[in-house]
Amino acid sequence: MFALLALGGDIGCSFGPWLTGTVSDAVMNMYFKTPYLQGIATGAGLDAEQLGLRCGFLAASAFPLLMILGVVVLSKAGKRINEKI
């Protein structure tokens, strides 16, 4: 059981930073090709790197949200199982 939990933690710790960097690089590359992104960045007073990093952090915020959603779903499922018993 410990090995499975450790594997899950290792996957999460490697996938999260990878996703953040990938999204950040993609936004920075699209910045110079998309006037819409340039308008957003200019309106917020950001350059390409800052916009890319903020979008990467926004993508990384999905992990805590997914964890909260999973805890809520599992707690409701646990309550249903306990009611049947």
Protein backbone atom coordinates (compact mmCIF):
# COMPACT_ATOMS: atom_id res chain seq x y z
CA MET A 1 0.00 0.00 0.00
CA PHE A 2 2.82 2.39 0.85
CA ALA A 3 4.41 1.76 -2.55
CA LEU A 4 1.20 2.72 -4.35
CA LEU A 5 0.83 5.89 -2.30
CA ALA A 6 4.46 6.78 -2.95
CA LEU A 7 4.01 6.14 -6.66
CA GLY A 8 0.95 8.39 -6.75
CA GLY A 9 2.86 11.14 -4.95
CA ASP A 10 5.81 10.85 -7.30
CA ILE A 11 3.58 11.05 -10.36
CA GLY A 12 1.78 14.09 -8.97
CA CYS A 13 5.04 15.82 -8.03
CA SER A 14 6.44 15.36 -11.51
CA PHE A 15 3.28 16.02 -13.55
CA GLY A 16 2.33 19.27 -11.80
CA PRO A 17 5.53 21.23 -12.52
CA TRP A 18 5.69 19.75 -16.03
CA LEU A 19 2.16 20.96 -16.77
CA THR A 20 2.93 24.41 -15.36
CA GLY A 21 6.03 24.77 -17.53
CA THR A 22 4.33 23.44 -20.64
CA VAL A 23 1.39 25.82 -20.31
CA SER A 24 3.74 28.72 -19.57
CA ASP A 25 5.86 28.01 -22.66
CA ALA A 26 2.79 27.57 -24.87
CA VAL A 27 1.31 30.89 -23.77
CA MET A 28 4.61 32.70 -24.27
CA ASN A 29 4.92 31.23 -27.79
CA MET A 30 1.31 32.14 -28.65
CA TYR A 31 1.76 35.65 -27.24
CA PHE A 32 3.64 36.89 -30.30
CA LYS A 33 1.17 35.28 -32.73
CA THR A 34 -2.10 36.26 -31.06
CA PRO A 35 -3.20 39.88 -30.76
CA TYR A 36 -5.84 38.81 -28.22
CA LEU A 37 -3.18 37.67 -25.74
CA GLN A 38 -1.18 40.82 -26.36
CA GLY A 39 -4.26 42.88 -25.54
CA ILE A 40 -4.86 40.96 -22.31
CA ALA A 41 -1.23 41.35 -21.26
CA THR A 42 -1.11 45.03 -22.14
CA GLY A 43 -4.31 45.71 -20.24
CA ALA A 44 -2.90 44.00 -17.15
CA GLY A 45 0.54 45.59 -17.52
CA LEU A 46 2.31 42.26 -18.14
CA ASP A 47 4.92 41.13 -20.62
CA ALA A 48 5.02 37.72 -22.35
CA GLU A 49 6.96 35.95 -19.60
CA GLN A 50 4.74 37.23 -16.81
CA LEU A 51 1.55 36.30 -18.69
CA GLY A 52 2.91 32.83 -19.44
CA LEU A 53 3.88 32.21 -15.84
CA ARG A 54 0.53 33.37 -14.51
CA CYS A 55 -1.29 31.10 -16.96
CA GLY A 56 0.95 28.22 -15.87
CA PHE A 57 0.09 28.86 -12.23
CA LEU A 58 -3.58 28.98 -13.18
CA ALA A 59 -3.23 25.53 -14.76
CA ALA A 60 -1.41 24.28 -11.64
CA SER A 61 -4.31 25.45 -9.48
CA ALA A 62 -6.36 22.61 -10.98
CA PHE A 63 -4.56 20.09 -8.74
CA PRO A 64 -5.86 21.40 -5.39
CA LEU A 65 -9.31 21.86 -6.90
CA LEU A 66 -9.32 18.26 -8.15
CA MET A 67 -8.21 17.08 -4.72
CA ILE A 68 -11.04 18.94 -3.00
CA LEU A 69 -13.52 17.55 -5.52
CA GLY A 70 -12.19 14.03 -4.94
CA VAL A 71 -12.46 14.37 -1.16
CA VAL A 72 -16.07 15.57 -1.43
CA VAL A 73 -17.01 12.74 -3.80
CA LEU A 74 -15.33 10.10 -1.65
CA SER A 75 -16.90 11.40 1.55
CA LYS A 76 -20.37 11.28 -0.02
CA ALA A 77 -19.71 7.78 -1.30
CA GLY A 78 -18.54 6.73 2.17
CA LYS A 79 -21.71 8.09 3.74
CA ARG A 80 -23.86 6.14 1.26
CA ILE A 81 -21.97 2.94 2.00
CA ASN A 82 -22.34 3.47 5.76
CA GLU A 83 -26.09 4.07 5.37
CA LYS A 84 -26.49 0.74 3.56
CA ILE A 85 -24.70 -1.14 6.32
